[in-house]
Amino acid sequence: MITRITGLLIEINTDLNIVELEIGPIVYELMVPGYAIGALCITQGQEVTFYALEYYESAGAQGGNLVPRIIGFPEANDKAFFQTFITVKGIGIKKALRALAKPIGDIAGAIESGDAKYLVALPEIGKRSAELIIAELKGKMTTFALVAASRPVGETTHIETTASAKTEGEREAIEVLIQLGEKRPDAETLVSRAVRNFEDEQTADTLVQAVYRLKAGAK
């Protein structure tokens, strides 16, 4: 069974939430949760590690052949959340995967606080499903919610890559700028300029500050 997989991220289908990972001469197709797509787009073309969950899916409505599928999560904690989430009656693997359009920590926090309205806003989750999720999982989500609360502002998820800490800081800075209203292409250009002009700026916070110094006319 595949539990972790590392390869070159060569393709991302943002409509189907599917990525292709090249490992030597073999290309693997992975299903990924929607919340991870934004961070993955930044790391396309780099080597990425996913925590994998492998399962078999029926090829037809009447059963028959089984097709192997791999789900990839950016963190082990997210995989653990998913495995708990699908224990809820009526929440199957595909439904659960489509539902995870928001960060795991936010969903876990909503479950712990009994916020059914937040859960209903997720794809595939109706009022009855939201109530059932809260009834079955409330009290079991604290760890997942705390992990999200401990992340730096602007960091929605972490994708493991072979890139340096500086590259990670660049990715985080781009996400912060997007949250502050910049368009992604503009954010990426601004961060690249900041790296070139301020070589000592490596963390997300200092890179964002450097970006605004550049926008203010600093050299």
N, C-alpha and C. Protein backbone atom coordinates (compact mmCIF):
# COMPACT_ATOMS: atom_id res chain seq x y z
N MET A 1 0.84 -1.19 0.00
CA MET A 1 0.00 0.00 0.00
C MET A 1 0.88 1.24 0.00
N ILE A 2 0.53 2.23 -0.82
CA ILE A 2 1.27 3.49 -0.89
C ILE A 2 0.82 4.40 0.25
N THR A 3 1.77 4.86 1.06
CA THR A 3 1.44 5.76 2.16
C THR A 3 2.04 7.15 1.98
N ARG A 4 3.10 7.25 1.19
CA ARG A 4 3.72 8.54 0.89
C ARG A 4 4.33 8.44 -0.50
N ILE A 5 4.22 9.53 -1.25
CA ILE A 5 4.70 9.48 -2.62
C ILE A 5 5.33 10.83 -2.98
N THR A 6 6.52 10.78 -3.59
CA THR A 6 7.25 11.99 -3.95
C THR A 6 7.59 11.94 -5.44
N GLY A 7 7.35 13.03 -6.12
CA GLY A 7 7.67 13.09 -7.53
C GLY A 7 7.56 14.49 -8.07
N LEU A 8 7.80 14.64 -9.36
CA LEU A 8 7.73 15.94 -10.02
C LEU A 8 6.29 16.26 -10.38
N LEU A 9 5.79 17.38 -9.89
CA LEU A 9 4.41 17.79 -10.17
C LEU A 9 4.35 18.39 -11.57
N ILE A 10 3.82 17.63 -12.53
CA ILE A 10 3.88 18.07 -13.92
C ILE A 10 2.55 18.58 -14.47
N GLU A 11 1.45 18.23 -13.83
CA GLU A 11 0.14 18.63 -14.37
C GLU A 11 -0.86 18.80 -13.24
N ILE A 12 -1.71 19.83 -13.36
CA ILE A 12 -2.76 20.08 -12.37
C ILE A 12 -4.07 20.36 -13.11
N ASN A 13 -5.09 19.57 -12.82
CA ASN A 13 -6.42 19.80 -13.38
C ASN A 13 -7.26 20.45 -12.28
N THR A 14 -7.41 21.77 -12.37
CA THR A 14 -8.10 22.51 -11.32
C THR A 14 -9.61 22.27 -11.33
N ASP A 15 -10.14 21.80 -12.43
CA ASP A 15 -11.58 21.51 -12.49
C ASP A 15 -11.93 20.20 -11.79
N LEU A 16 -11.07 19.20 -11.95
CA LEU A 16 -11.33 17.88 -11.37
C LEU A 16 -10.55 17.63 -10.09
N ASN A 17 -9.68 18.58 -9.71
CA ASN A 17 -8.82 18.41 -8.53
C ASN A 17 -7.98 17.13 -8.65
N ILE A 18 -7.32 17.02 -9.79
CA ILE A 18 -6.45 15.88 -10.07
C ILE A 18 -5.07 16.40 -10.46
N VAL A 19 -4.03 15.75 -9.98
CA VAL A 19 -2.67 16.13 -10.35
C VAL A 19 -1.95 14.92 -10.92
N GLU A 20 -0.90 15.20 -11.69
CA GLU A 20 -0.06 14.13 -12.22
C GLU A 20 1.34 14.29 -11.64
N LEU A 21 1.87 13.19 -11.14
CA LEU A 21 3.17 13.18 -10.48
C LEU A 21 4.10 12.26 -11.25
N GLU A 22 5.20 12.79 -11.73
CA GLU A 22 6.17 12.01 -12.51
C GLU A 22 7.26 11.46 -11.60
N ILE A 23 7.39 10.13 -11.59
CA ILE A 23 8.43 9.47 -10.81
C ILE A 23 9.21 8.58 -11.76
N GLY A 24 10.37 9.04 -12.18
CA GLY A 24 11.11 8.29 -13.19
C GLY A 24 10.30 8.22 -14.47
N PRO A 25 10.18 7.02 -15.07
CA PRO A 25 9.42 6.89 -16.32
C PRO A 25 7.92 6.73 -16.10
N ILE A 26 7.47 6.74 -14.84
CA ILE A 26 6.06 6.51 -14.53
C ILE A 26 5.39 7.80 -14.07
N VAL A 27 4.14 8.03 -14.56
CA VAL A 27 3.35 9.18 -14.13
C VAL A 27 2.13 8.67 -13.38
N TYR A 28 1.97 9.13 -12.15
CA TYR A 28 0.84 8.73 -11.32
C TYR A 28 -0.22 9.84 -11.30
N GLU A 29 -1.48 9.42 -11.32
CA GLU A 29 -2.59 10.36 -11.19
C GLU A 29 -3.09 10.33 -9.75
N LEU A 30 -3.16 11.49 -9.11
CA LEU A 30 -3.62 11.58 -7.74
C LEU A 30 -4.83 12.51 -7.65
N MET A 31 -5.81 12.10 -6.87
CA MET A 31 -6.91 12.98 -6.53
C MET A 31 -6.49 13.79 -5.30
N VAL A 32 -6.79 15.09 -5.31
CA VAL A 32 -6.39 15.94 -4.19
C VAL A 32 -7.59 16.77 -3.72
N PRO A 33 -7.61 17.15 -2.44
CA PRO A 33 -8.70 17.99 -1.95
C PRO A 33 -8.61 19.39 -2.52
N GLY A 34 -9.75 20.03 -2.70
CA GLY A 34 -9.79 21.34 -3.34
C GLY A 34 -8.99 22.41 -2.64
N TYR A 35 -8.92 22.36 -1.31
CA TYR A 35 -8.21 23.41 -0.57
C TYR A 35 -6.72 23.45 -0.90
N ALA A 36 -6.18 22.35 -1.43
CA ALA A 36 -4.73 22.27 -1.70
C ALA A 36 -4.34 22.80 -3.07
N ILE A 37 -5.31 23.04 -3.95
CA ILE A 37 -5.01 23.39 -5.33
C ILE A 37 -4.20 24.67 -5.44
N GLY A 38 -4.55 25.69 -4.68
CA GLY A 38 -3.84 26.97 -4.77
C GLY A 38 -2.36 26.83 -4.50
N ALA A 39 -2.02 26.14 -3.42
CA ALA A 39 -0.61 25.96 -3.08
C ALA A 39 0.09 25.07 -4.10
N LEU A 40 -0.61 24.09 -4.65
CA LEU A 40 -0.01 23.20 -5.63
C LEU A 40 0.32 23.94 -6.92
N CYS A 41 -0.52 24.89 -7.31
CA CYS A 41 -0.26 25.66 -8.52
C CYS A 41 1.07 26.40 -8.43
N ILE A 42 1.43 26.82 -7.21
CA ILE A 42 2.69 27.53 -7.01
C ILE A 42 3.87 26.58 -7.16
N THR A 43 3.65 25.32 -6.81
CA THR A 43 4.77 24.36 -6.81
C THR A 43 4.82 23.50 -8.07
N GLN A 44 4.00 23.80 -9.06
CA GLN A 44 4.03 23.02 -10.30
C GLN A 44 5.43 23.10 -10.91
N GLY A 45 5.93 21.94 -11.34
CA GLY A 45 7.27 21.87 -11.90
C GLY A 45 8.33 21.55 -10.87
N GLN A 46 7.91 21.45 -9.60
CA GLN A 46 8.85 21.11 -8.53
C GLN A 46 8.57 19.70 -8.01
N GLU A 47 9.50 19.18 -7.22
CA GLU A 47 9.30 17.88 -6.60
C GLU A 47 8.45 18.07 -5.34
N VAL A 48 7.39 17.30 -5.24
CA VAL A 48 6.42 17.46 -4.17
C VAL A 48 6.17 16.12 -3.48
N THR A 49 5.94 16.16 -2.18
CA THR A 49 5.60 14.96 -1.42
C THR A 49 4.14 15.01 -0.98
N PHE A 50 3.42 13.92 -1.23
CA PHE A 50 2.05 13.77 -0.76
C PHE A 50 1.97 12.62 0.23
N TYR A 51 1.11 12.77 1.22
CA TYR A 51 0.75 11.66 2.10
C TYR A 51 -0.44 10.98 1.45
N ALA A 52 -0.27 9.73 1.08
CA ALA A 52 -1.21 9.07 0.19
C ALA A 52 -2.17 8.13 0.91
N LEU A 53 -3.35 8.04 0.34
CA LEU A 53 -4.36 7.08 0.77
C LEU A 53 -4.81 6.34 -0.48
N GLU A 54 -4.61 5.05 -0.49
CA GLU A 54 -4.92 4.23 -1.67
C GLU A 54 -6.21 3.45 -1.43
N TYR A 55 -7.07 3.43 -2.44
CA TYR A 55 -8.29 2.64 -2.32
C TYR A 55 -8.69 2.13 -3.70
N TYR A 56 -9.68 1.25 -3.73
CA TYR A 56 -10.14 0.69 -5.00
C TYR A 56 -11.59 1.09 -5.24
N GLU A 57 -11.85 1.48 -6.47
CA GLU A 57 -13.18 1.97 -6.85
C GLU A 57 -13.77 1.07 -7.93
N SER A 58 -15.06 0.81 -7.81
CA SER A 58 -15.74 -0.01 -8.80
C SER A 58 -15.78 0.73 -10.14
N ALA A 59 -15.51 0.00 -11.22
CA ALA A 59 -15.46 0.61 -12.55
C ALA A 59 -16.84 0.87 -13.13
N GLY A 60 -17.87 0.28 -12.58
CA GLY A 60 -19.22 0.45 -13.10
C GLY A 60 -20.26 0.45 -12.01
N ALA A 61 -21.47 0.87 -12.36
CA ALA A 61 -22.55 0.96 -11.38
C ALA A 61 -22.92 -0.40 -10.81
N GLN A 62 -22.72 -1.46 -11.57
CA GLN A 62 -23.09 -2.80 -11.14
C GLN A 62 -21.91 -3.58 -10.55
N GLY A 63 -20.84 -2.85 -10.21
CA GLY A 63 -19.67 -3.55 -9.67
C GLY A 63 -18.70 -3.88 -10.78
N GLY A 64 -18.17 -5.09 -10.75
CA GLY A 64 -17.23 -5.49 -11.80
C GLY A 64 -15.81 -5.18 -11.40
N ASN A 65 -15.01 -4.78 -12.38
CA ASN A 65 -13.60 -4.54 -12.13
C ASN A 65 -13.37 -3.40 -11.14
N LEU A 66 -12.31 -3.53 -10.35
CA LEU A 66 -11.94 -2.50 -9.40
C LEU A 66 -10.76 -1.70 -9.94
N VAL A 67 -10.85 -0.38 -9.83
CA VAL A 67 -9.82 0.51 -10.35
C VAL A 67 -9.08 1.13 -9.17
N PRO A 68 -7.74 1.03 -9.12
CA PRO A 68 -6.99 1.63 -8.01
C PRO A 68 -6.98 3.15 -8.11
N ARG A 69 -7.16 3.81 -6.99
CA ARG A 69 -7.11 5.27 -6.91
C ARG A 69 -6.17 5.69 -5.79
N ILE A 70 -5.54 6.85 -5.97
CA ILE A 70 -4.66 7.39 -4.94
C ILE A 70 -5.12 8.81 -4.61
N ILE A 71 -5.31 9.08 -3.34
CA ILE A 71 -5.61 10.42 -2.88
C ILE A 71 -4.35 10.98 -2.24
N GLY A 72 -4.00 12.21 -2.58
CA GLY A 72 -2.79 12.83 -2.03
C GLY A 72 -3.12 14.00 -1.12
N PHE A 73 -2.51 14.03 0.05
CA PHE A 73 -2.72 15.12 1.01
C PHE A 73 -1.39 15.82 1.26
N PRO A 74 -1.40 17.14 1.42
CA PRO A 74 -0.15 17.87 1.62
C PRO A 74 0.50 17.61 2.97
N GLU A 75 -0.28 17.18 3.96
CA GLU A 75 0.27 16.92 5.29
C GLU A 75 -0.32 15.64 5.87
N ALA A 76 0.45 14.98 6.72
CA ALA A 76 -0.03 13.76 7.37
C ALA A 76 -1.26 14.05 8.22
N ASN A 77 -1.30 15.23 8.82
CA ASN A 77 -2.43 15.62 9.66
C ASN A 77 -3.73 15.69 8.85
N ASP A 78 -3.62 16.17 7.61
CA ASP A 78 -4.79 16.28 6.74
C ASP A 78 -5.31 14.90 6.35
N LYS A 79 -4.39 13.99 6.11
CA LYS A 79 -4.78 12.61 5.81
C LYS A 79 -5.51 11.99 7.00
N ALA A 80 -5.00 12.23 8.19
CA ALA A 80 -5.62 11.69 9.39
C ALA A 80 -7.03 12.26 9.58
N PHE A 81 -7.19 13.56 9.29
CA PHE A 81 -8.51 14.18 9.37
C PHE A 81 -9.48 13.48 8.41
N PHE A 82 -9.02 13.29 7.19
CA PHE A 82 -9.87 12.67 6.16
C PHE A 82 -10.32 11.27 6.59
N GLN A 83 -9.40 10.50 7.15
CA GLN A 83 -9.74 9.15 7.57
C GLN A 83 -10.76 9.15 8.70
N THR A 84 -10.75 10.18 9.52
CA THR A 84 -11.77 10.32 10.56
C THR A 84 -13.08 10.80 9.97
N PHE A 85 -12.99 11.74 9.03
CA PHE A 85 -14.16 12.36 8.40
C PHE A 85 -15.03 11.31 7.70
N ILE A 86 -14.40 10.35 7.02
CA ILE A 86 -15.17 9.38 6.25
C ILE A 86 -15.79 8.28 7.13
N THR A 87 -15.57 8.35 8.45
CA THR A 87 -16.24 7.39 9.33
C THR A 87 -17.70 7.79 9.57
N VAL A 88 -18.04 9.02 9.21
CA VAL A 88 -19.42 9.49 9.39
C VAL A 88 -20.32 8.78 8.38
N LYS A 89 -21.45 8.30 8.84
CA LYS A 89 -22.39 7.57 7.98
C LYS A 89 -22.83 8.46 6.81
N GLY A 90 -22.73 7.92 5.60
CA GLY A 90 -23.16 8.64 4.41
C GLY A 90 -22.08 9.52 3.79
N ILE A 91 -20.92 9.63 4.45
CA ILE A 91 -19.82 10.43 3.90
C ILE A 91 -18.78 9.48 3.32
N GLY A 92 -18.93 9.17 2.04
CA GLY A 92 -17.99 8.27 1.40
C GLY A 92 -16.73 8.99 0.97
N ILE A 93 -15.81 8.26 0.38
CA ILE A 93 -14.52 8.83 0.00
C ILE A 93 -14.66 9.97 -1.00
N LYS A 94 -15.39 9.77 -2.08
CA LYS A 94 -15.51 10.81 -3.10
C LYS A 94 -16.27 12.03 -2.58
N LYS A 95 -17.33 11.79 -1.83
CA LYS A 95 -18.11 12.89 -1.27
C LYS A 95 -17.26 13.70 -0.31
N ALA A 96 -16.50 13.01 0.53
CA ALA A 96 -15.64 13.68 1.50
C ALA A 96 -14.58 14.51 0.79
N LEU A 97 -13.99 13.95 -0.26
CA LEU A 97 -12.93 14.65 -0.98
C LEU A 97 -13.47 15.93 -1.63
N ARG A 98 -14.66 15.85 -2.21
CA ARG A 98 -15.26 17.04 -2.83
C ARG A 98 -15.63 18.09 -1.78
N ALA A 99 -15.97 17.61 -0.59
CA ALA A 99 -16.38 18.54 0.47
C ALA A 99 -15.22 19.38 1.00
N LEU A 100 -14.00 18.89 0.87
CA LEU A 100 -12.86 19.57 1.46
C LEU A 100 -12.36 20.71 0.57
N ALA A 101 -13.24 21.68 0.37
CA ALA A 101 -12.89 22.85 -0.43
C ALA A 101 -12.25 23.94 0.42
N LYS A 102 -12.34 23.80 1.73
CA LYS A 102 -11.76 24.76 2.66
C LYS A 102 -10.66 24.06 3.46
N PRO A 103 -9.75 24.83 4.06
CA PRO A 103 -8.67 24.22 4.85
C PRO A 103 -9.20 23.30 5.94
N ILE A 104 -8.48 22.21 6.16
CA ILE A 104 -8.86 21.21 7.15
C ILE A 104 -9.10 21.82 8.52
N GLY A 105 -8.20 22.70 8.95
CA GLY A 105 -8.34 23.30 10.27
C GLY A 105 -9.61 24.10 10.44
N ASP A 106 -10.03 24.78 9.37
CA ASP A 106 -11.27 25.56 9.43
C ASP A 106 -12.48 24.65 9.55
N ILE A 107 -12.47 23.55 8.80
CA ILE A 107 -13.58 22.60 8.88
C ILE A 107 -13.62 21.96 10.26
N ALA A 108 -12.45 21.58 10.76
CA ALA A 108 -12.39 20.98 12.10
C ALA A 108 -12.89 21.96 13.15
N GLY A 109 -12.53 23.23 13.02
CA GLY A 109 -13.00 24.24 13.96
C GLY A 109 -14.50 24.40 13.92
N ALA A 110 -15.07 24.33 12.71
CA ALA A 110 -16.53 24.45 12.57
C ALA A 110 -17.24 23.27 13.23
N ILE A 111 -16.67 22.09 13.08
CA ILE A 111 -17.25 20.90 13.72
C ILE A 111 -17.21 21.04 15.23
N GLU A 112 -16.07 21.46 15.77
CA GLU A 112 -15.93 21.60 17.23
C GLU A 112 -16.85 22.67 17.79
N SER A 113 -17.10 23.73 17.03
CA SER A 113 -17.97 24.80 17.50
C SER A 113 -19.44 24.57 17.18
N GLY A 114 -19.71 23.46 16.46
CA GLY A 114 -21.09 23.16 16.10
C GLY A 114 -21.66 24.08 15.04
N ASP A 115 -20.81 24.61 14.18
CA ASP A 115 -21.23 25.56 13.16
C ASP A 115 -21.74 24.83 11.92
N ALA A 116 -23.00 24.43 11.95
CA ALA A 116 -23.59 23.69 10.84
C ALA A 116 -23.68 24.55 9.59
N LYS A 117 -23.88 25.85 9.75
CA LYS A 117 -23.99 26.76 8.60
C LYS A 117 -22.72 26.74 7.76
N TYR A 118 -21.56 26.73 8.43
CA TYR A 118 -20.28 26.67 7.72
C TYR A 118 -20.17 25.37 6.95
N LEU A 119 -20.55 24.27 7.57
CA LEU A 119 -20.43 22.97 6.92
C LEU A 119 -21.36 22.85 5.73
N VAL A 120 -22.56 23.40 5.83
CA VAL A 120 -23.54 23.34 4.73
C VAL A 120 -23.01 24.08 3.50
N ALA A 121 -22.15 25.07 3.72
CA ALA A 121 -21.59 25.83 2.60
C ALA A 121 -20.55 25.03 1.82
N LEU A 122 -20.11 23.89 2.36
CA LEU A 122 -19.13 23.04 1.66
C LEU A 122 -19.83 22.23 0.58
N PRO A 123 -19.15 21.94 -0.53
CA PRO A 123 -19.75 21.09 -1.58
C PRO A 123 -20.18 19.73 -1.02
N GLU A 124 -21.32 19.25 -1.45
CA GLU A 124 -21.82 17.91 -1.11
C GLU A 124 -22.39 17.78 0.30
N ILE A 125 -22.31 18.84 1.11
CA ILE A 125 -22.78 18.74 2.48
C ILE A 125 -24.09 19.50 2.66
N GLY A 126 -25.17 18.75 2.91
CA GLY A 126 -26.46 19.35 3.17
C GLY A 126 -26.68 19.53 4.67
N LYS A 127 -27.84 20.04 5.02
CA LYS A 127 -28.14 20.31 6.43
C LYS A 127 -28.09 19.04 7.27
N ARG A 128 -28.69 17.97 6.77
CA ARG A 128 -28.72 16.71 7.52
C ARG A 128 -27.31 16.16 7.69
N SER A 129 -26.52 16.22 6.62
CA SER A 129 -25.14 15.73 6.70
C SER A 129 -24.33 16.55 7.70
N ALA A 130 -24.53 17.87 7.68
CA ALA A 130 -23.80 18.74 8.60
C ALA A 130 -24.13 18.40 10.05
N GLU A 131 -25.40 18.18 10.32
CA GLU A 131 -25.82 17.84 11.68
C GLU A 131 -25.23 16.51 12.12
N LEU A 132 -25.18 15.56 11.19
CA LEU A 132 -24.64 14.23 11.49
C LEU A 132 -23.14 14.31 11.74
N ILE A 133 -22.44 15.10 10.94
CA ILE A 133 -21.00 15.27 11.11
C ILE A 133 -20.69 15.83 12.49
N ILE A 134 -21.42 16.85 12.88
CA ILE A 134 -21.20 17.47 14.19
C ILE A 134 -21.52 16.47 15.31
N ALA A 135 -22.62 15.74 15.16
CA ALA A 135 -23.03 14.79 16.19
C ALA A 135 -21.99 13.69 16.39
N GLU A 136 -21.38 13.23 15.30
CA GLU A 136 -20.46 12.10 15.38
C GLU A 136 -19.00 12.51 15.64
N LEU A 137 -18.61 13.73 15.23
CA LEU A 137 -17.20 14.09 15.29
C LEU A 137 -16.86 15.18 16.31
N LYS A 138 -17.84 15.89 16.81
CA LYS A 138 -17.55 16.94 17.78
C LYS A 138 -16.85 16.32 18.99
N GLY A 139 -15.75 16.92 19.39
CA GLY A 139 -14.95 16.38 20.47
C GLY A 139 -13.75 15.59 19.98
N LYS A 140 -13.74 15.28 18.67
CA LYS A 140 -12.64 14.51 18.08
C LYS A 140 -11.77 15.35 17.16
N MET A 141 -12.13 16.63 16.99
CA MET A 141 -11.48 17.48 16.00
C MET A 141 -10.54 18.52 16.60
N THR A 142 -10.38 18.52 17.89
CA THR A 142 -9.59 19.57 18.55
C THR A 142 -8.17 19.66 18.01
N THR A 143 -7.51 18.52 17.89
CA THR A 143 -6.12 18.52 17.41
C THR A 143 -6.00 19.13 16.03
N PHE A 144 -6.92 18.78 15.14
CA PHE A 144 -6.87 19.30 13.76
C PHE A 144 -7.10 20.81 13.75
N ALA A 145 -8.00 21.30 14.58
CA ALA A 145 -8.28 22.73 14.63
C ALA A 145 -7.09 23.49 15.21
N LEU A 146 -6.42 22.93 16.20
CA LEU A 146 -5.28 23.59 16.83
C LEU A 146 -4.10 23.69 15.88
N VAL A 147 -3.90 22.68 15.04
CA VAL A 147 -2.81 22.72 14.06
C VAL A 147 -2.99 23.91 13.13
N ALA A 148 -4.22 24.16 12.69
CA ALA A 148 -4.49 25.30 11.80
C ALA A 148 -4.26 26.62 12.52
N ALA A 149 -4.67 26.68 13.80
CA ALA A 149 -4.52 27.92 14.55
C ALA A 149 -3.05 28.28 14.77
N SER A 150 -2.17 27.27 14.76
CA SER A 150 -0.76 27.51 15.01
C SER A 150 0.01 27.91 13.76
N ARG A 151 -0.63 27.85 12.57
CA ARG A 151 0.06 28.22 11.34
C ARG A 151 0.17 29.73 11.21
N PRO A 152 1.24 30.22 10.58
CA PRO A 152 1.38 31.66 10.37
C PRO A 152 0.25 32.20 9.51
N VAL A 153 -0.08 33.49 9.70
CA VAL A 153 -1.12 34.13 8.89
C VAL A 153 -0.75 34.03 7.42
N GLY A 154 -1.73 33.62 6.59
CA GLY A 154 -1.50 33.52 5.15
C GLY A 154 -1.09 32.14 4.71
N GLU A 155 -0.75 31.25 5.65
CA GLU A 155 -0.34 29.90 5.27
C GLU A 155 -1.55 28.99 5.40
N THR A 156 -2.16 28.60 4.29
CA THR A 156 -3.34 27.78 4.33
C THR A 156 -3.00 26.31 4.36
N THR A 157 -1.91 25.95 3.73
CA THR A 157 -1.50 24.56 3.75
C THR A 157 -0.02 24.50 3.42
N HIS A 158 0.62 23.42 3.74
CA HIS A 158 2.05 23.27 3.48
C HIS A 158 2.25 22.13 2.51
N ILE A 159 2.95 22.41 1.42
CA ILE A 159 3.27 21.38 0.45
C ILE A 159 4.75 21.09 0.56
N GLU A 160 5.11 19.85 0.90
CA GLU A 160 6.53 19.53 1.04
C GLU A 160 7.19 19.46 -0.33
N THR A 161 8.28 20.19 -0.49
CA THR A 161 9.04 20.16 -1.74
C THR A 161 10.52 20.11 -1.39
N THR A 162 11.33 19.89 -2.42
CA THR A 162 12.76 19.88 -2.19
C THR A 162 13.34 21.29 -2.29
N ALA A 163 12.45 22.29 -2.44
CA ALA A 163 12.91 23.67 -2.52
C ALA A 163 13.46 24.12 -1.17
N SER A 164 14.26 25.17 -1.18
CA SER A 164 14.86 25.68 0.04
C SER A 164 13.84 26.42 0.87
N ALA A 165 14.23 26.81 2.11
CA ALA A 165 13.36 27.57 2.99
C ALA A 165 12.98 28.89 2.34
N LYS A 166 13.93 29.48 1.56
CA LYS A 166 13.65 30.74 0.90
C LYS A 166 12.50 30.58 -0.09
N THR A 167 12.50 29.50 -0.84
CA THR A 167 11.42 29.25 -1.79
C THR A 167 10.09 29.08 -1.06
N GLU A 168 10.10 28.42 0.07
CA GLU A 168 8.89 28.28 0.86
C GLU A 168 8.39 29.64 1.31
N GLY A 169 9.33 30.51 1.72
CA GLY A 169 8.95 31.85 2.12
C GLY A 169 8.32 32.62 0.98
N GLU A 170 8.83 32.43 -0.22
CA GLU A 170 8.26 33.09 -1.40
C GLU A 170 6.82 32.63 -1.63
N ARG A 171 6.59 31.32 -1.51
CA ARG A 171 5.24 30.80 -1.73
C ARG A 171 4.26 31.39 -0.71
N GLU A 172 4.69 31.41 0.54
CA GLU A 172 3.83 31.94 1.60
C GLU A 172 3.55 33.42 1.38
N ALA A 173 4.59 34.18 0.96
CA ALA A 173 4.42 35.61 0.71
C ALA A 173 3.42 35.86 -0.41
N ILE A 174 3.46 35.02 -1.45
CA ILE A 174 2.51 35.15 -2.56
C ILE A 174 1.08 34.97 -2.06
N GLU A 175 0.87 33.96 -1.21
CA GLU A 175 -0.47 33.71 -0.69
C GLU A 175 -0.96 34.87 0.17
N VAL A 176 -0.05 35.46 0.96
CA VAL A 176 -0.42 36.61 1.78
C VAL A 176 -0.83 37.78 0.90
N LEU A 177 -0.07 38.05 -0.14
CA LEU A 177 -0.38 39.16 -1.04
C LEU A 177 -1.71 38.97 -1.74
N ILE A 178 -2.02 37.73 -2.10
CA ILE A 178 -3.31 37.44 -2.72
C ILE A 178 -4.44 37.74 -1.75
N GLN A 179 -4.25 37.36 -0.49
CA GLN A 179 -5.26 37.66 0.52
C GLN A 179 -5.43 39.16 0.73
N LEU A 180 -4.35 39.90 0.48
CA LEU A 180 -4.39 41.36 0.63
C LEU A 180 -4.92 42.06 -0.62
N GLY A 181 -5.31 41.28 -1.63
CA GLY A 181 -5.96 41.86 -2.80
C GLY A 181 -5.19 41.83 -4.10
N GLU A 182 -3.96 41.34 -4.07
CA GLU A 182 -3.18 41.27 -5.32
C GLU A 182 -3.65 40.07 -6.16
N LYS A 183 -3.60 40.21 -7.47
CA LYS A 183 -3.87 39.08 -8.35
C LYS A 183 -2.65 38.17 -8.33
N ARG A 184 -2.87 36.86 -8.51
CA ARG A 184 -1.76 35.92 -8.38
C ARG A 184 -0.57 36.26 -9.29
N PRO A 185 -0.79 36.53 -10.59
CA PRO A 185 0.38 36.84 -11.44
C PRO A 185 1.15 38.06 -10.92
N ASP A 186 0.41 39.08 -10.44
CA ASP A 186 1.06 40.28 -9.91
C ASP A 186 1.83 39.95 -8.64
N ALA A 187 1.21 39.12 -7.78
CA ALA A 187 1.86 38.73 -6.52
C ALA A 187 3.16 37.98 -6.79
N GLU A 188 3.13 37.06 -7.76
CA GLU A 188 4.32 36.29 -8.09
C GLU A 188 5.43 37.20 -8.63
N THR A 189 5.05 38.17 -9.47
CA THR A 189 6.03 39.10 -10.03
C THR A 189 6.64 39.98 -8.94
N LEU A 190 5.80 40.46 -8.04
CA LEU A 190 6.27 41.33 -6.96
C LEU A 190 7.23 40.60 -6.03
N VAL A 191 6.91 39.36 -5.70
CA VAL A 191 7.78 38.59 -4.82
C VAL A 191 9.11 38.31 -5.51
N SER A 192 9.09 38.00 -6.79
CA SER A 192 10.34 37.77 -7.54
C SER A 192 11.21 39.02 -7.53
N ARG A 193 10.57 40.18 -7.70
CA ARG A 193 11.33 41.44 -7.66
C ARG A 193 11.91 41.67 -6.27
N ALA A 194 11.13 41.35 -5.24
CA ALA A 194 11.60 41.55 -3.87
C ALA A 194 12.81 40.67 -3.59
N VAL A 195 12.78 39.43 -4.10
CA VAL A 195 13.91 38.52 -3.90
C VAL A 195 15.16 39.05 -4.59
N ARG A 196 14.99 39.60 -5.79
CA ARG A 196 16.14 40.12 -6.53
C ARG A 196 16.71 41.38 -5.87
N ASN A 197 15.84 42.23 -5.34
CA ASN A 197 16.27 43.51 -4.81
C ASN A 197 16.68 43.47 -3.34
N PHE A 198 16.14 42.51 -2.61
CA PHE A 198 16.44 42.41 -1.19
C PHE A 198 16.85 40.97 -0.90
N GLU A 199 18.09 40.64 -1.15
CA GLU A 199 18.53 39.26 -1.09
C GLU A 199 18.46 38.66 0.31
N ASP A 200 18.48 39.50 1.34
CA ASP A 200 18.44 38.98 2.71
C ASP A 200 17.02 38.68 3.18
N GLU A 201 16.01 39.08 2.40
CA GLU A 201 14.63 38.86 2.81
C GLU A 201 14.22 37.43 2.44
N GLN A 202 13.93 36.61 3.45
CA GLN A 202 13.66 35.20 3.17
C GLN A 202 12.32 34.72 3.71
N THR A 203 11.85 35.28 4.80
CA THR A 203 10.58 34.81 5.36
C THR A 203 9.41 35.47 4.66
N ALA A 204 8.23 34.90 4.83
CA ALA A 204 7.03 35.47 4.20
C ALA A 204 6.80 36.90 4.67
N ASP A 205 6.94 37.15 5.97
CA ASP A 205 6.68 38.49 6.51
C ASP A 205 7.63 39.52 5.93
N THR A 206 8.94 39.19 5.91
CA THR A 206 9.91 40.16 5.41
C THR A 206 9.79 40.36 3.90
N LEU A 207 9.40 39.31 3.19
CA LEU A 207 9.21 39.45 1.75
C LEU A 207 8.02 40.36 1.44
N VAL A 208 6.94 40.19 2.21
CA VAL A 208 5.76 41.05 2.01
C VAL A 208 6.13 42.51 2.30
N GLN A 209 6.89 42.73 3.37
CA GLN A 209 7.35 44.09 3.67
C GLN A 209 8.20 44.64 2.54
N ALA A 210 9.08 43.78 1.99
CA ALA A 210 9.94 44.20 0.88
C ALA A 210 9.11 44.56 -0.35
N VAL A 211 8.07 43.81 -0.60
CA VAL A 211 7.18 44.10 -1.74
C VAL A 211 6.59 45.50 -1.60
N TYR A 212 6.13 45.82 -0.41
CA TYR A 212 5.50 47.13 -0.23
C TYR A 212 6.53 48.26 -0.24
N ARG A 213 7.77 47.97 0.11
CA ARG A 213 8.83 48.96 -0.04
C ARG A 213 9.08 49.23 -1.53
N LEU A 214 9.05 48.16 -2.33
CA LEU A 214 9.22 48.32 -3.77
C LEU A 214 8.06 49.14 -4.37
N LYS A 215 6.86 48.83 -3.93
CA LYS A 215 5.69 49.55 -4.47
C LYS A 215 5.71 51.02 -4.08
N ALA A 216 6.40 51.30 -2.94
CA ALA A 216 6.50 52.69 -2.48
C ALA A 216 7.67 53.42 -3.14
N GLY A 217 8.46 52.66 -3.96
CA GLY A 217 9.55 53.29 -4.68
C GLY A 217 10.92 53.04 -4.12
N ALA A 218 11.03 52.12 -3.12
CA ALA A 218 12.34 51.84 -2.55
C ALA A 218 13.19 51.07 -3.53
N LYS A 219 14.48 51.24 -3.50
CA LYS A 219 15.42 50.54 -4.38
C LYS A 219 16.14 49.45 -3.62
